[in-house]
Amino acid sequence: MNDWRLGIDVGATKIEIVALDRTGEMKLRRRVPNPGQYDALLTTIRDLSNSAADELGASSSSAPLPIGVGIPGSTDASSGLVKNANATWLNGKPFERDLPEVAGRPARVENDANCFALSEAIDGAAAGKNVVFGVIIGSGMGGGLVVNGKLVSGLNHVAGEWGHTPLPWPRLEEFPMPKCFCGNEGCLERFLCGSALAEDWQGPGHRSVEGIEDAAANGDARAVAALDRYVDRFARACAMLINILDPNAIVLGGGVSNIRAVRERTPGLLQRHVVTPDCKTPILGNKHGDSSGVRGAAWLWEPSETTR
């Protein structure tokens, strides 16, 4: 009987694998560079999972240990091809079909934001809450929805893609709306991803928000103004989400979520746009940090399923 879950996270620059035991304790963790090429990605995942199974003593089992994989995109329900991946070389590829054949073991593939949300809902910051929306804000922006411990992907496998909904209650000065790689204009991702905040602070071409809070605290007027605009826009985005979904918690992940102002100031700005006299929705920092996504990938399999 297998006592392990294997989770793999396909990041922009690295591929990570973890093994969780039945209680969710991490027993193994490895990282290797992302080769940035489709066939090499498949073989890298195969080699990582085989090595992990050997180390765990699970390679001799009659049933190969399954893997859950988080990717920066999703699988189209009709074609079976990857879509909406910011790692554009994955788009149009039958990843979920090819992976089990190459890896020699069952595989489930989900959006990385969905994996993050699942991890934080099961045993993370929102453990025990019925409806959880997980947010990742970094180089891009995505979200995932978990209800009663189960991931909700939706009919078209796009549930949680709030990064590609328009900025709500826009101000006149926010026009013209920026164009998004998805083909639309005014997407939340174009206002709230890390590079958008960096450019608002330091100008076109800047990508990093490191040090923005220190700069604001030291009197940098551009940093103060950029943070003010960002938190206001993020609060509007959360208020729209609450008006539609009314989750028990919103959990934040990704590099931009480490900015204290985002976590601390957003709750006080929700009331203006949420249609209830007293909005109590908690905005939570994550528990598992940069391990949340890969842990959530491992949680894509139920314990009973790994023994088949």
C-alpha atoms as a PDB file:
ATOM      1  CA  MET A   1       0.000   0.000   0.000  1.00  0.00           C
ATOM      2  CA  ASN A   2       1.316   3.452  -0.929  1.00  0.00           C
ATOM      3  CA  ASP A   3       1.376   6.010   1.869  1.00  0.00           C
ATOM      4  CA  TRP A   4       2.570   8.907  -0.254  1.00  0.00           C
ATOM      5  CA  ARG A   5       1.260  11.664  -2.477  1.00  0.00           C
ATOM      6  CA  LEU A   6       3.560  13.186  -5.081  1.00  0.00           C
ATOM      7  CA  GLY A   7       3.039  16.788  -6.143  1.00  0.00           C
ATOM      8  CA  ILE A   8       4.906  18.671  -8.864  1.00  0.00           C
ATOM      9  CA  ASP A   9       4.881  22.394  -9.557  1.00  0.00           C
ATOM     10  CA  VAL A  10       5.932  23.688 -12.973  1.00  0.00           C
ATOM     11  CA  GLY A  11       7.256  27.176 -12.289  1.00  0.00           C
ATOM     12  CA  ALA A  12       8.708  29.779 -14.602  1.00  0.00           C
ATOM     13  CA  THR A  13      12.315  28.846 -13.841  1.00  0.00           C
ATOM     14  CA  LYS A  14      12.138  25.644 -11.788  1.00  0.00           C
ATOM     15  CA  ILE A  15      10.279  22.369 -11.398  1.00  0.00           C
ATOM     16  CA  GLU A  16       9.633  21.226  -7.851  1.00  0.00           C
ATOM     17  CA  ILE A  17       8.489  17.883  -6.483  1.00  0.00           C
ATOM     18  CA  VAL A  18       7.314  17.039  -2.968  1.00  0.00           C
ATOM     19  CA  ALA A  19       6.072  13.913  -1.258  1.00  0.00           C
ATOM     20  CA  LEU A  20       3.431  14.199   1.452  1.00  0.00           C
ATOM     21  CA  ASP A  21       2.483  11.427   3.825  1.00  0.00           C
ATOM     22  CA  ARG A  22      -1.138  10.689   4.694  1.00  0.00           C
ATOM     23  CA  THR A  23      -1.187  13.416   7.349  1.00  0.00           C
ATOM     24  CA  GLY A  24       0.139  16.042   4.925  1.00  0.00           C
ATOM     25  CA  GLU A  25       3.652  16.133   6.370  1.00  0.00           C
ATOM     26  CA  MET A  26       6.318  16.810   3.761  1.00  0.00           C
ATOM     27  CA  LYS A  27       8.835  13.989   3.539  1.00  0.00           C
ATOM     28  CA  LEU A  28      10.724  14.883   0.380  1.00  0.00           C
ATOM     29  CA  ARG A  29      11.369  18.044  -1.624  1.00  0.00           C
ATOM     30  CA  ARG A  30      13.510  18.579  -4.728  1.00  0.00           C
ATOM     31  CA  ARG A  31      13.951  21.412  -7.234  1.00  0.00           C
ATOM     32  CA  VAL A  32      15.528  21.381 -10.671  1.00  0.00           C
ATOM     33  CA  PRO A  33      15.670  24.006 -13.448  1.00  0.00           C
ATOM     34  CA  ASN A  34      12.731  24.192 -15.837  1.00  0.00           C
ATOM     35  CA  PRO A  35      14.124  23.260 -19.280  1.00  0.00           C
ATOM     36  CA  GLY A  36      11.667  25.597 -21.004  1.00  0.00           C
ATOM     37  CA  GLN A  37      10.919  23.063 -23.738  1.00  0.00           C
ATOM     38  CA  TYR A  38       7.933  20.718 -23.972  1.00  0.00           C
ATOM     39  CA  ASP A  39       9.519  17.300 -24.520  1.00  0.00           C
ATOM     40  CA  ALA A  40      12.257  18.031 -21.994  1.00  0.00           C
ATOM     41  CA  LEU A  41       9.607  19.041 -19.445  1.00  0.00           C
ATOM     42  CA  LEU A  42       7.899  15.666 -19.793  1.00  0.00           C
ATOM     43  CA  THR A  43      11.114  13.717 -19.301  1.00  0.00           C
ATOM     44  CA  THR A  44      12.213  15.919 -16.413  1.00  0.00           C
ATOM     45  CA  ILE A  45       8.940  15.200 -14.595  1.00  0.00           C
ATOM     46  CA  ARG A  46       9.351  11.493 -15.361  1.00  0.00           C
ATOM     47  CA  ASP A  47      12.868  11.436 -13.924  1.00  0.00           C
ATOM     48  CA  LEU A  48      11.880  13.445 -10.830  1.00  0.00           C
ATOM     49  CA  SER A  49       8.892  11.192 -10.043  1.00  0.00           C
ATOM     50  CA  ASN A  50      10.873   8.005 -10.629  1.00  0.00           C
ATOM     51  CA  SER A  51      13.670   9.205  -8.366  1.00  0.00           C
ATOM     52  CA  ALA A  52      11.183  10.209  -5.654  1.00  0.00           C
ATOM     53  CA  ALA A  53       9.390   6.856  -5.830  1.00  0.00           C
ATOM     54  CA  ASP A  54      12.734   5.059  -5.481  1.00  0.00           C
ATOM     55  CA  GLU A  55      13.699   7.157  -2.470  1.00  0.00           C
ATOM     56  CA  LEU A  56      10.331   6.520  -0.813  1.00  0.00           C
ATOM     57  CA  GLY A  57      10.521   2.787  -1.452  1.00  0.00           C
ATOM     58  CA  ALA A  58       7.409   2.941  -3.603  1.00  0.00           C
ATOM     59  CA  SER A  59       8.892   2.046  -6.996  1.00  0.00           C
ATOM     60  CA  SER A  60       8.307  -1.691  -6.512  1.00  0.00           C
ATOM     61  CA  SER A  61       4.560  -1.305  -5.969  1.00  0.00           C
ATOM     62  CA  SER A  62       2.295  -3.031  -8.478  1.00  0.00           C
ATOM     63  CA  ALA A  63       0.440   0.276  -8.891  1.00  0.00           C
ATOM     64  CA  PRO A  64       2.718   3.196  -9.845  1.00  0.00           C
ATOM     65  CA  LEU A  65       2.521   6.127  -7.465  1.00  0.00           C
ATOM     66  CA  PRO A  66       0.323   8.841  -9.069  1.00  0.00           C
ATOM     67  CA  ILE A  67       1.436  12.434  -9.488  1.00  0.00           C
ATOM     68  CA  GLY A  68      -0.446  15.708  -9.309  1.00  0.00           C
ATOM     69  CA  VAL A  69       0.985  18.554 -11.371  1.00  0.00           C
ATOM     70  CA  GLY A  70       0.352  22.291 -11.193  1.00  0.00           C
ATOM     71  CA  ILE A  71       1.003  24.330 -14.341  1.00  0.00           C
ATOM     72  CA  PRO A  72       0.733  28.066 -15.151  1.00  0.00           C
ATOM     73  CA  GLY A  73      -2.308  27.471 -17.356  1.00  0.00           C
ATOM     74  CA  SER A  74      -5.169  24.985 -17.654  1.00  0.00           C
ATOM     75  CA  THR A  75      -6.403  22.150 -19.846  1.00  0.00           C
ATOM     76  CA  ASP A  76      -9.158  22.963 -22.310  1.00  0.00           C
ATOM     77  CA  ALA A  77     -12.120  20.704 -21.535  1.00  0.00           C
ATOM     78  CA  SER A  78     -12.979  20.176 -25.219  1.00  0.00           C
ATOM     79  CA  SER A  79      -9.613  19.791 -26.936  1.00  0.00           C
ATOM     80  CA  GLY A  80      -7.492  18.487 -24.068  1.00  0.00           C
ATOM     81  CA  LEU A  81      -4.827  21.067 -24.932  1.00  0.00           C
ATOM     82  CA  VAL A  82      -3.156  23.531 -22.584  1.00  0.00           C
ATOM     83  CA  LYS A  83      -4.537  27.078 -22.750  1.00  0.00           C
ATOM     84  CA  ASN A  84      -3.887  30.422 -21.053  1.00  0.00           C
ATOM     85  CA  ALA A  85      -0.348  29.486 -19.972  1.00  0.00           C
ATOM     86  CA  ASN A  86       2.058  32.405 -19.565  1.00  0.00           C
ATOM     87  CA  ALA A  87       4.727  29.800 -20.368  1.00  0.00           C
ATOM     88  CA  THR A  88       3.505  30.099 -23.943  1.00  0.00           C
ATOM     89  CA  TRP A  89       5.442  27.057 -25.204  1.00  0.00           C
ATOM     90  CA  LEU A  90       2.957  24.918 -23.223  1.00  0.00           C
ATOM     91  CA  ASN A  91      -0.089  26.334 -24.993  1.00  0.00           C
ATOM     92  CA  GLY A  92      -1.674  24.009 -27.538  1.00  0.00           C
ATOM     93  CA  LYS A  93       0.122  20.939 -26.153  1.00  0.00           C
ATOM     94  CA  PRO A  94      -1.730  17.776 -24.971  1.00  0.00           C
ATOM     95  CA  PHE A  95       0.172  17.820 -21.677  1.00  0.00           C
ATOM     96  CA  GLU A  96      -2.392  15.953 -19.574  1.00  0.00           C
ATOM     97  CA  ARG A  97      -2.570  13.193 -22.214  1.00  0.00           C
ATOM     98  CA  ASP A  98       1.165  12.936 -22.869  1.00  0.00           C
ATOM     99  CA  LEU A  99       2.364  13.065 -19.271  1.00  0.00           C
ATOM    100  CA  PRO A 100       1.050   9.663 -18.047  1.00  0.00           C
ATOM    101  CA  GLU A 101       2.474   7.976 -21.153  1.00  0.00           C
ATOM    102  CA  VAL A 102       5.932   9.484 -20.686  1.00  0.00           C
ATOM    103  CA  ALA A 103       6.026   9.301 -16.883  1.00  0.00           C
ATOM    104  CA  GLY A 104       4.575   5.787 -16.719  1.00  0.00           C
ATOM    105  CA  ARG A 105       2.211   6.672 -13.887  1.00  0.00           C
ATOM    106  CA  PRO A 106      -1.268   8.229 -13.461  1.00  0.00           C
ATOM    107  CA  ALA A 107      -1.239  12.025 -13.498  1.00  0.00           C
ATOM    108  CA  ARG A 108      -3.674  14.839 -12.798  1.00  0.00           C
ATOM    109  CA  VAL A 109      -2.952  18.352 -14.035  1.00  0.00           C
ATOM    110  CA  GLU A 110      -4.380  21.571 -12.617  1.00  0.00           C
ATOM    111  CA  ASN A 111      -3.805  25.280 -12.776  1.00  0.00           C
ATOM    112  CA  ASP A 112      -1.164  26.368 -10.260  1.00  0.00           C
ATOM    113  CA  ALA A 113      -3.501  28.889  -8.610  1.00  0.00           C
ATOM    114  CA  ASN A 114      -6.047  26.106  -8.122  1.00  0.00           C
ATOM    115  CA  CYS A 115      -3.344  24.021  -6.448  1.00  0.00           C
ATOM    116  CA  PHE A 116      -2.453  26.939  -4.177  1.00  0.00           C
ATOM    117  CA  ALA A 117      -6.100  27.390  -3.161  1.00  0.00           C
ATOM    118  CA  LEU A 118      -6.529  23.663  -2.486  1.00  0.00           C
ATOM    119  CA  SER A 119      -3.453  23.556  -0.266  1.00  0.00           C
ATOM    120  CA  GLU A 120      -4.480  26.555   1.817  1.00  0.00           C
ATOM    121  CA  ALA A 121      -8.077  25.284   2.134  1.00  0.00           C
ATOM    122  CA  ILE A 122      -7.124  21.772   3.249  1.00  0.00           C
ATOM    123  CA  ASP A 123      -4.452  22.412   5.864  1.00  0.00           C
ATOM    124  CA  GLY A 124      -3.349  26.006   5.370  1.00  0.00           C
ATOM    125  CA  ALA A 125      -4.506  29.448   6.429  1.00  0.00           C
ATOM    126  CA  ALA A 126      -8.168  28.720   5.556  1.00  0.00           C
ATOM    127  CA  ALA A 127      -8.365  25.171   6.909  1.00  0.00           C
ATOM    128  CA  GLY A 128     -11.892  24.337   8.078  1.00  0.00           C
ATOM    129  CA  LYS A 129     -13.594  27.089   6.062  1.00  0.00           C
ATOM    130  CA  ASN A 130     -16.307  26.037   3.612  1.00  0.00           C
ATOM    131  CA  VAL A 131     -15.719  28.382   0.669  1.00  0.00           C
ATOM    132  CA  VAL A 132     -12.148  29.529   0.020  1.00  0.00           C
ATOM    133  CA  PHE A 133     -10.786  31.687  -2.789  1.00  0.00           C
ATOM    134  CA  GLY A 134      -7.024  31.545  -3.203  1.00  0.00           C
ATOM    135  CA  VAL A 135      -5.180  34.340  -4.989  1.00  0.00           C
ATOM    136  CA  ILE A 136      -1.723  34.293  -6.560  1.00  0.00           C
ATOM    137  CA  ILE A 137      -0.242  37.649  -7.518  1.00  0.00           C
ATOM    138  CA  GLY A 138       3.258  37.670  -8.920  1.00  0.00           C
ATOM    139  CA  SER A 139       4.455  37.870 -12.511  1.00  0.00           C
ATOM    140  CA  GLY A 140       0.834  37.114 -13.398  1.00  0.00           C
ATOM    141  CA  MET A 141      -2.416  36.880 -11.489  1.00  0.00           C
ATOM    142  CA  GLY A 142      -4.759  33.977 -10.912  1.00  0.00           C
ATOM    143  CA  GLY A 143      -7.128  32.429  -8.458  1.00  0.00           C
ATOM    144  CA  GLY A 144      -8.677  29.162  -7.390  1.00  0.00           C
ATOM    145  CA  LEU A 145     -11.957  28.175  -5.751  1.00  0.00           C
ATOM    146  CA  VAL A 146     -12.368  25.402  -3.175  1.00  0.00           C
ATOM    147  CA  VAL A 147     -15.743  24.433  -1.717  1.00  0.00           C
ATOM    148  CA  ASN A 148     -15.944  21.991   1.196  1.00  0.00           C
ATOM    149  CA  GLY A 149     -12.397  20.827   0.540  1.00  0.00           C
ATOM    150  CA  LYS A 150     -13.005  20.141  -3.160  1.00  0.00           C
ATOM    151  CA  LEU A 151     -11.538  22.085  -6.039  1.00  0.00           C
ATOM    152  CA  VAL A 152     -14.085  23.731  -8.342  1.00  0.00           C
ATOM    153  CA  SER A 153     -12.701  23.957 -11.878  1.00  0.00           C
ATOM    154  CA  GLY A 154     -15.941  24.735 -13.719  1.00  0.00           C
ATOM    155  CA  LEU A 155     -17.483  23.596 -17.000  1.00  0.00           C
ATOM    156  CA  ASN A 156     -14.843  25.365 -19.111  1.00  0.00           C
ATOM    157  CA  HIS A 157     -12.021  24.817 -16.624  1.00  0.00           C
ATOM    158  CA  VAL A 158     -11.627  28.546 -16.043  1.00  0.00           C
ATOM    159  CA  ALA A 159     -13.134  28.962 -12.555  1.00  0.00           C
ATOM    160  CA  GLY A 160     -10.994  31.387 -10.574  1.00  0.00           C
ATOM    161  CA  GLU A 161      -9.508  33.212 -13.584  1.00  0.00           C
ATOM    162  CA  TRP A 162     -10.285  36.596 -12.052  1.00  0.00           C
ATOM    163  CA  GLY A 163      -7.040  37.981 -13.450  1.00  0.00           C
ATOM    164  CA  HIS A 164      -8.848  38.086 -16.774  1.00  0.00           C
ATOM    165  CA  THR A 165     -11.911  39.913 -15.551  1.00  0.00           C
ATOM    166  CA  PRO A 166     -11.996  43.708 -15.949  1.00  0.00           C
ATOM    167  CA  LEU A 167     -10.968  46.165 -13.270  1.00  0.00           C
ATOM    168  CA  PRO A 168     -14.257  47.050 -11.522  1.00  0.00           C
ATOM    169  CA  TRP A 169     -15.518  50.572 -10.788  1.00  0.00           C
ATOM    170  CA  PRO A 170     -12.778  52.157 -12.961  1.00  0.00           C
ATOM    171  CA  ARG A 171     -11.680  55.751 -12.486  1.00  0.00           C
ATOM    172  CA  LEU A 172     -11.454  58.166 -15.398  1.00  0.00           C
ATOM    173  CA  GLU A 173      -7.677  58.393 -14.973  1.00  0.00           C
ATOM    174  CA  GLU A 174      -7.403  54.613 -15.492  1.00  0.00           C
ATOM    175  CA  PHE A 175      -8.411  54.956 -19.133  1.00  0.00           C
ATOM    176  CA  PRO A 176      -7.375  53.978 -21.729  1.00  0.00           C
ATOM    177  CA  MET A 177      -7.328  50.445 -20.367  1.00  0.00           C
ATOM    178  CA  PRO A 178      -4.078  48.504 -20.926  1.00  0.00           C
ATOM    179  CA  LYS A 179      -4.111  45.610 -23.383  1.00  0.00           C
ATOM    180  CA  CYS A 180      -3.673  42.077 -22.027  1.00  0.00           C
ATOM    181  CA  PHE A 181      -1.978  39.096 -23.666  1.00  0.00           C
ATOM    182  CA  CYS A 182      -5.363  37.320 -23.599  1.00  0.00           C
ATOM    183  CA  GLY A 183      -6.613  39.759 -26.249  1.00  0.00           C
ATOM    184  CA  ASN A 184      -8.853  41.873 -24.020  1.00  0.00           C
ATOM    185  CA  GLU A 185      -8.322  45.263 -22.426  1.00  0.00           C
ATOM    186  CA  GLY A 186      -8.460  46.279 -18.781  1.00  0.00           C
ATOM    187  CA  CYS A 187      -7.841  42.847 -17.240  1.00  0.00           C
ATOM    188  CA  LEU A 188      -7.080  42.850 -13.526  1.00  0.00           C
ATOM    189  CA  GLU A 189      -3.741  41.188 -14.229  1.00  0.00           C
ATOM    190  CA  ARG A 190      -2.592  44.258 -16.172  1.00  0.00           C
ATOM    191  CA  PHE A 191      -3.238  46.415 -13.086  1.00  0.00           C
ATOM    192  CA  LEU A 192      -2.303  44.057 -10.252  1.00  0.00           C
ATOM    193  CA  CYS A 193       0.594  41.831 -11.344  1.00  0.00           C
ATOM    194  CA  GLY A 194       4.019  42.594  -9.903  1.00  0.00           C
ATOM    195  CA  SER A 195       5.380  44.278 -13.017  1.00  0.00           C
ATOM    196  CA  ALA A 196       2.331  46.561 -13.199  1.00  0.00           C
ATOM    197  CA  LEU A 197       3.036  47.820  -9.684  1.00  0.00           C
ATOM    198  CA  ALA A 198       6.767  48.144 -10.437  1.00  0.00           C
ATOM    199  CA  GLU A 199       6.098  50.234 -13.543  1.00  0.00           C
ATOM    200  CA  ASP A 200       3.597  52.424 -11.719  1.00  0.00           C
ATOM    201  CA  TRP A 201       6.297  53.093  -9.118  1.00  0.00           C
ATOM    202  CA  GLN A 202       9.464  53.423 -11.186  1.00  0.00           C
ATOM    203  CA  GLY A 203       8.353  53.684 -14.798  1.00  0.00           C
ATOM    204  CA  PRO A 204       8.182  51.505 -17.921  1.00  0.00           C
ATOM    205  CA  GLY A 205      10.491  48.510 -18.086  1.00  0.00           C
ATOM    206  CA  HIS A 206      10.805  47.981 -14.336  1.00  0.00           C
ATOM    207  CA  ARG A 207       9.772  44.528 -13.107  1.00  0.00           C
ATOM    208  CA  SER A 208      10.608  44.288  -9.405  1.00  0.00           C
ATOM    209  CA  VAL A 209       8.656  45.673  -6.445  1.00  0.00           C
ATOM    210  CA  GLU A 210      11.407  44.830  -3.974  1.00  0.00           C
ATOM    211  CA  GLY A 211      11.867  47.675  -1.533  1.00  0.00           C
ATOM    212  CA  ILE A 212       8.704  49.587  -2.397  1.00  0.00           C
ATOM    213  CA  GLU A 213       7.400  49.671   1.188  1.00  0.00           C
ATOM    214  CA  ASP A 214      10.746  50.819   2.551  1.00  0.00           C
ATOM    215  CA  ALA A 215      10.832  53.522  -0.110  1.00  0.00           C
ATOM    216  CA  ALA A 216       7.325  54.658   0.829  1.00  0.00           C
ATOM    217  CA  ALA A 217       8.233  54.722   4.523  1.00  0.00           C
ATOM    218  CA  ASN A 218      11.266  56.885   3.688  1.00  0.00           C
ATOM    219  CA  GLY A 219       9.153  59.460   1.910  1.00  0.00           C
ATOM    220  CA  ASP A 220       9.324  58.348  -1.721  1.00  0.00           C
ATOM    221  CA  ALA A 221       6.178  60.061  -3.030  1.00  0.00           C
ATOM    222  CA  ARG A 222       5.998  57.855  -6.133  1.00  0.00           C
ATOM    223  CA  ALA A 223       6.149  54.707  -4.001  1.00  0.00           C
ATOM    224  CA  VAL A 224       3.421  56.038  -1.700  1.00  0.00           C
ATOM    225  CA  ALA A 225       1.165  56.915  -4.633  1.00  0.00           C
ATOM    226  CA  ALA A 226       1.758  53.604  -6.418  1.00  0.00           C
ATOM    227  CA  LEU A 227       0.930  51.623  -3.269  1.00  0.00           C
ATOM    228  CA  ASP A 228      -2.191  53.696  -2.665  1.00  0.00           C
ATOM    229  CA  ARG A 229      -3.412  53.054  -6.193  1.00  0.00           C
ATOM    230  CA  TYR A 230      -2.551  49.380  -5.981  1.00  0.00           C
ATOM    231  CA  VAL A 231      -4.351  48.719  -2.696  1.00  0.00           C
ATOM    232  CA  ASP A 232      -7.404  50.637  -3.894  1.00  0.00           C
ATOM    233  CA  ARG A 233      -7.561  48.554  -7.092  1.00  0.00           C
ATOM    234  CA  PHE A 234      -6.963  45.312  -5.236  1.00  0.00           C
ATOM    235  CA  ALA A 235      -9.750  46.127  -2.777  1.00  0.00           C
ATOM    236  CA  ARG A 236     -12.121  46.821  -5.677  1.00  0.00           C
ATOM    237  CA  ALA A 237     -11.185  43.455  -7.199  1.00  0.00           C
ATOM    238  CA  CYS A 238     -11.807  41.661  -3.899  1.00  0.00           C
ATOM    239  CA  ALA A 239     -15.119  43.475  -3.396  1.00  0.00           C
ATOM    240  CA  MET A 240     -16.325  42.310  -6.815  1.00  0.00           C
ATOM    241  CA  LEU A 241     -15.323  38.770  -5.899  1.00  0.00           C
ATOM    242  CA  ILE A 242     -17.177  38.976  -2.581  1.00  0.00           C
ATOM    243  CA  ASN A 243     -20.303  40.339  -4.244  1.00  0.00           C
ATOM    244  CA  ILE A 244     -20.342  37.357  -6.616  1.00  0.00           C
ATOM    245  CA  LEU A 245     -19.047  34.521  -4.451  1.00  0.00           C
ATOM    246  CA  ASP A 246     -19.088  35.674  -0.811  1.00  0.00           C
ATOM    247  CA  PRO A 247     -16.298  33.287   0.288  1.00  0.00           C
ATOM    248  CA  ASN A 248     -15.489  32.482   3.897  1.00  0.00           C
ATOM    249  CA  ALA A 249     -11.907  33.592   3.281  1.00  0.00           C
ATOM    250  CA  ILE A 250      -9.616  35.022   0.608  1.00  0.00           C
ATOM    251  CA  VAL A 251      -6.050  33.714   0.934  1.00  0.00           C
ATOM    252  CA  LEU A 252      -3.168  35.597  -0.684  1.00  0.00           C
ATOM    253  CA  GLY A 253      -0.104  34.082  -2.327  1.00  0.00           C
ATOM    254  CA  GLY A 254       2.646  35.109  -4.729  1.00  0.00           C
ATOM    255  CA  GLY A 255       5.380  37.682  -4.353  1.00  0.00           C
ATOM    256  CA  VAL A 256       3.133  40.750  -4.272  1.00  0.00           C
ATOM    257  CA  SER A 257       1.140  39.256  -1.383  1.00  0.00           C
ATOM    258  CA  ASN A 258       4.235  39.721   0.789  1.00  0.00           C
ATOM    259  CA  ILE A 259       3.662  43.477   0.722  1.00  0.00           C
ATOM    260  CA  ARG A 260       2.156  44.253   4.131  1.00  0.00           C
ATOM    261  CA  ALA A 261      -0.021  47.072   2.830  1.00  0.00           C
ATOM    262  CA  VAL A 262      -1.929  44.678   0.575  1.00  0.00           C
ATOM    263  CA  ARG A 263      -2.875  42.407   3.469  1.00  0.00           C
ATOM    264  CA  GLU A 264      -3.376  45.077   6.111  1.00  0.00           C
ATOM    265  CA  ARG A 265      -5.123  47.892   4.227  1.00  0.00           C
ATOM    266  CA  THR A 266      -7.416  45.954   1.902  1.00  0.00           C
ATOM    267  CA  PRO A 267     -10.037  44.885   4.508  1.00  0.00           C
ATOM    268  CA  GLY A 268     -10.729  48.492   5.462  1.00  0.00           C
ATOM    269  CA  LEU A 269     -11.464  49.445   1.858  1.00  0.00           C
ATOM    270  CA  LEU A 270     -13.909  46.655   1.026  1.00  0.00           C
ATOM    271  CA  GLN A 271     -17.008  48.210   2.558  1.00  0.00           C
ATOM    272  CA  ARG A 272     -17.325  50.929  -0.071  1.00  0.00           C
ATOM    273  CA  HIS A 273     -18.125  48.384  -2.773  1.00  0.00           C
ATOM    274  CA  VAL A 274     -19.431  45.268  -0.998  1.00  0.00           C
ATOM    275  CA  VAL A 275     -23.225  45.334  -0.873  1.00  0.00           C
ATOM    276  CA  THR A 276     -23.673  44.461   2.790  1.00  0.00           C
ATOM    277  CA  PRO A 277     -23.687  46.774   5.824  1.00  0.00           C
ATOM    278  CA  ASP A 278     -20.812  44.936   7.496  1.00  0.00           C
ATOM    279  CA  CYS A 279     -18.280  43.037   5.374  1.00  0.00           C
ATOM    280  CA  LYS A 280     -16.457  40.478   7.508  1.00  0.00           C
ATOM    281  CA  THR A 281     -14.536  38.608   4.788  1.00  0.00           C
ATOM    282  CA  PRO A 282     -11.012  37.863   6.093  1.00  0.00           C
ATOM    283  CA  ILE A 283      -8.049  38.585   3.811  1.00  0.00           C
ATOM    284  CA  LEU A 284      -5.443  36.066   4.937  1.00  0.00           C
ATOM    285  CA  GLY A 285      -1.768  35.558   4.317  1.00  0.00           C
ATOM    286  CA  ASN A 286      -0.920  32.009   3.324  1.00  0.00           C
ATOM    287  CA  LYS A 287       0.460  29.384   5.688  1.00  0.00           C
ATOM    288  CA  HIS A 288       2.656  27.309   3.399  1.00  0.00           C
ATOM    289  CA  GLY A 289       4.483  30.041   1.504  1.00  0.00           C
ATOM    290  CA  ASP A 290       6.088  28.994  -1.762  1.00  0.00           C
ATOM    291  CA  SER A 291       5.268  25.357  -0.930  1.00  0.00           C
ATOM    292  CA  SER A 292       1.517  25.883  -1.232  1.00  0.00           C
ATOM    293  CA  GLY A 293       1.287  25.262  -4.970  1.00  0.00           C
ATOM    294  CA  VAL A 294       3.265  22.044  -4.987  1.00  0.00           C
ATOM    295  CA  ARG A 295       1.481  20.801  -1.844  1.00  0.00           C
ATOM    296  CA  GLY A 296      -1.846  21.463  -3.524  1.00  0.00           C
ATOM    297  CA  ALA A 297      -0.722  19.448  -6.544  1.00  0.00           C
ATOM    298  CA  ALA A 298      -0.095  16.510  -4.215  1.00  0.00           C
ATOM    299  CA  TRP A 299      -3.586  16.958  -2.718  1.00  0.00           C
ATOM    300  CA  LEU A 300      -5.143  16.392  -6.163  1.00  0.00           C
ATOM    301  CA  TRP A 301      -5.200  12.697  -5.244  1.00  0.00           C
ATOM    302  CA  GLU A 302      -7.256  11.260  -2.404  1.00  0.00           C
ATOM    303  CA  PRO A 303      -5.390   8.828  -0.108  1.00  0.00           C
ATOM    304  CA  SER A 304      -7.528   5.873  -1.202  1.00  0.00           C
ATOM    305  CA  GLU A 305      -6.731   6.562  -4.853  1.00  0.00           C
ATOM    306  CA  THR A 306      -2.985   6.239  -4.364  1.00  0.00           C
ATOM    307  CA  THR A 307      -3.377   2.615  -3.244  1.00  0.00           C
ATOM    308  CA  ARG A 308      -5.033   1.358  -6.441  1.00  0.00           C
END
